[in-house]
Amino acid sequence: RGFSQDRFLDKGSALINLELRYPIWRRFGGIIGVDAGRVFASYRNFTFNNWNLSPVAGLRFYMNNFVVRADLGISSETIGFYLNFGHIF
């Protein structure tokens, strides 16, 4: 979330998303976490070295049928703000 869309493109990719979700007040909640990822020309070149990291923080508004998400991702290149609906899981 802290990098521009399509910033890293190649034939293979790996992504890890860690979030801690917590209640704030009534239907409002928050998250803190980190996104990490890396692209590869081939999965044979996969390594855990030099992954790109982006700390994230966000607010959640929990409705009966869906979630409104406002997230802020920070990287060495930019800061991204995202407004979405629903969770990955």
C-alpha atoms as a PDB file:
ATOM      1  CA  ARG A   1       0.000   0.000   0.000  1.00  0.00           C
ATOM      2  CA  GLY A   2       2.955   2.354   0.322  1.00  0.00           C
ATOM      3  CA  PHE A   3       4.130   1.940  -3.269  1.00  0.00           C
ATOM      4  CA  SER A   4       2.498   3.101  -6.497  1.00  0.00           C
ATOM      5  CA  GLN A   5       0.314   0.574  -8.293  1.00  0.00           C
ATOM      6  CA  ASP A   6       2.283  -1.596 -10.731  1.00  0.00           C
ATOM      7  CA  ARG A   7       5.567  -0.230  -9.345  1.00  0.00           C
ATOM      8  CA  PHE A   8       7.041  -3.747  -9.222  1.00  0.00           C
ATOM      9  CA  LEU A   9       6.252  -6.033 -12.161  1.00  0.00           C
ATOM     10  CA  ASP A  10       7.856  -9.285 -13.266  1.00  0.00           C
ATOM     11  CA  LYS A  11       6.900 -12.882 -14.041  1.00  0.00           C
ATOM     12  CA  GLY A  12       6.615 -13.943 -10.386  1.00  0.00           C
ATOM     13  CA  SER A  13       5.773 -12.190  -7.144  1.00  0.00           C
ATOM     14  CA  ALA A  14       5.358 -12.863  -3.435  1.00  0.00           C
ATOM     15  CA  LEU A  15       3.437 -10.724  -0.943  1.00  0.00           C
ATOM     16  CA  ILE A  16       3.039 -10.878   2.834  1.00  0.00           C
ATOM     17  CA  ASN A  17       0.458  -8.784   4.676  1.00  0.00           C
ATOM     18  CA  LEU A  18       0.407  -8.593   8.487  1.00  0.00           C
ATOM     19  CA  GLU A  19      -2.344  -6.625  10.250  1.00  0.00           C
ATOM     20  CA  LEU A  20      -3.357  -6.185  13.847  1.00  0.00           C
ATOM     21  CA  ARG A  21      -7.024  -5.186  13.970  1.00  0.00           C
ATOM     22  CA  TYR A  22      -8.477  -3.654  17.114  1.00  0.00           C
ATOM     23  CA  PRO A  23     -11.746  -2.006  18.218  1.00  0.00           C
ATOM     24  CA  ILE A  24     -11.780   1.754  18.853  1.00  0.00           C
ATOM     25  CA  TRP A  25     -15.369   2.787  19.571  1.00  0.00           C
ATOM     26  CA  ARG A  26     -18.726   1.311  18.621  1.00  0.00           C
ATOM     27  CA  ARG A  27     -18.505   0.410  14.911  1.00  0.00           C
ATOM     28  CA  PHE A  28     -15.050   1.962  14.452  1.00  0.00           C
ATOM     29  CA  GLY A  29     -11.852  -0.038  14.479  1.00  0.00           C
ATOM     30  CA  GLY A  30      -8.232   0.439  13.555  1.00  0.00           C
ATOM     31  CA  ILE A  31      -5.352  -1.497  12.073  1.00  0.00           C
ATOM     32  CA  ILE A  32      -1.593  -1.316  12.183  1.00  0.00           C
ATOM     33  CA  GLY A  33       0.636  -3.578  10.162  1.00  0.00           C
ATOM     34  CA  VAL A  34       3.169  -4.063   7.421  1.00  0.00           C
ATOM     35  CA  ASP A  35       3.087  -5.135   3.773  1.00  0.00           C
ATOM     36  CA  ALA A  36       6.142  -6.836   2.293  1.00  0.00           C
ATOM     37  CA  GLY A  37       6.736  -8.006  -1.240  1.00  0.00           C
ATOM     38  CA  ARG A  38       9.191  -8.848  -3.948  1.00  0.00           C
ATOM     39  CA  VAL A  39       9.078  -9.716  -7.647  1.00  0.00           C
ATOM     40  CA  PHE A  40      11.162 -12.325  -9.450  1.00  0.00           C
ATOM     41  CA  ALA A  41      12.051 -13.115 -13.055  1.00  0.00           C
ATOM     42  CA  SER A  42      11.589 -16.777 -12.123  1.00  0.00           C
ATOM     43  CA  TYR A  43      10.496 -18.595  -8.974  1.00  0.00           C
ATOM     44  CA  ARG A  44      13.856 -20.339  -9.078  1.00  0.00           C
ATOM     45  CA  ASN A  45      15.300 -16.899  -8.158  1.00  0.00           C
ATOM     46  CA  PHE A  46      13.083 -16.658  -5.058  1.00  0.00           C
ATOM     47  CA  THR A  47      14.879 -15.328  -1.980  1.00  0.00           C
ATOM     48  CA  PHE A  48      13.971 -13.675   1.290  1.00  0.00           C
ATOM     49  CA  ASN A  49      16.610 -10.958   0.743  1.00  0.00           C
ATOM     50  CA  ASN A  50      15.836  -7.341  -0.207  1.00  0.00           C
ATOM     51  CA  TRP A  51      12.051  -7.366   0.170  1.00  0.00           C
ATOM     52  CA  ASN A  52      10.240  -4.024  -0.078  1.00  0.00           C
ATOM     53  CA  LEU A  53       8.469  -3.061   3.166  1.00  0.00           C
ATOM     54  CA  SER A  54       5.625  -0.665   3.789  1.00  0.00           C
ATOM     55  CA  PRO A  55       4.202   0.091   7.260  1.00  0.00           C
ATOM     56  CA  VAL A  56       0.442   0.644   7.204  1.00  0.00           C
ATOM     57  CA  ALA A  57      -2.190   2.145   9.488  1.00  0.00           C
ATOM     58  CA  GLY A  58      -5.895   2.480   8.934  1.00  0.00           C
ATOM     59  CA  LEU A  59      -9.409   2.996  10.184  1.00  0.00           C
ATOM     60  CA  ARG A  60     -12.384   0.668   9.742  1.00  0.00           C
ATOM     61  CA  PHE A  61     -16.106   1.370   9.896  1.00  0.00           C
ATOM     62  CA  TYR A  62     -18.016  -1.877  10.311  1.00  0.00           C
ATOM     63  CA  MET A  63     -21.463  -1.961   8.685  1.00  0.00           C
ATOM     64  CA  ASN A  64     -23.896  -4.879   8.847  1.00  0.00           C
ATOM     65  CA  ASN A  65     -22.933  -6.211   5.394  1.00  0.00           C
ATOM     66  CA  PHE A  66     -19.508  -4.744   4.642  1.00  0.00           C
ATOM     67  CA  VAL A  67     -16.542  -2.778   5.969  1.00  0.00           C
ATOM     68  CA  VAL A  68     -15.403   0.697   4.899  1.00  0.00           C
ATOM     69  CA  ARG A  69     -11.577   0.862   4.971  1.00  0.00           C
ATOM     70  CA  ALA A  70      -9.307   3.908   4.966  1.00  0.00           C
ATOM     71  CA  ASP A  71      -5.619   2.939   4.893  1.00  0.00           C
ATOM     72  CA  LEU A  72      -2.352   4.839   4.789  1.00  0.00           C
ATOM     73  CA  GLY A  73       0.781   3.070   3.508  1.00  0.00           C
ATOM     74  CA  ILE A  74       4.253   4.571   3.821  1.00  0.00           C
ATOM     75  CA  SER A  75       7.394   3.661   1.891  1.00  0.00           C
ATOM     76  CA  SER A  76      10.743   5.226   1.071  1.00  0.00           C
ATOM     77  CA  GLU A  77       9.241   6.405  -2.236  1.00  0.00           C
ATOM     78  CA  THR A  78       5.770   7.697  -1.451  1.00  0.00           C
ATOM     79  CA  ILE A  79       2.749   7.725   0.864  1.00  0.00           C
ATOM     80  CA  GLY A  80      -0.435   6.083  -0.385  1.00  0.00           C
ATOM     81  CA  PHE A  81      -3.998   6.676   0.822  1.00  0.00           C
ATOM     82  CA  TYR A  82      -6.605   4.037   0.009  1.00  0.00           C
ATOM     83  CA  LEU A  83     -10.365   4.027   0.509  1.00  0.00           C
ATOM     84  CA  ASN A  84     -11.883   0.581  -0.062  1.00  0.00           C
ATOM     85  CA  PHE A  85     -14.841  -1.581   0.881  1.00  0.00           C
ATOM     86  CA  GLY A  86     -14.523  -5.063   2.374  1.00  0.00           C
ATOM     87  CA  HIS A  87     -11.658  -7.130   3.803  1.00  0.00           C
ATOM     88  CA  ILE A  88      -9.387  -9.630   2.123  1.00  0.00           C
ATOM     89  CA  PHE A  89     -10.703 -12.152   4.645  1.00  0.00           C
END
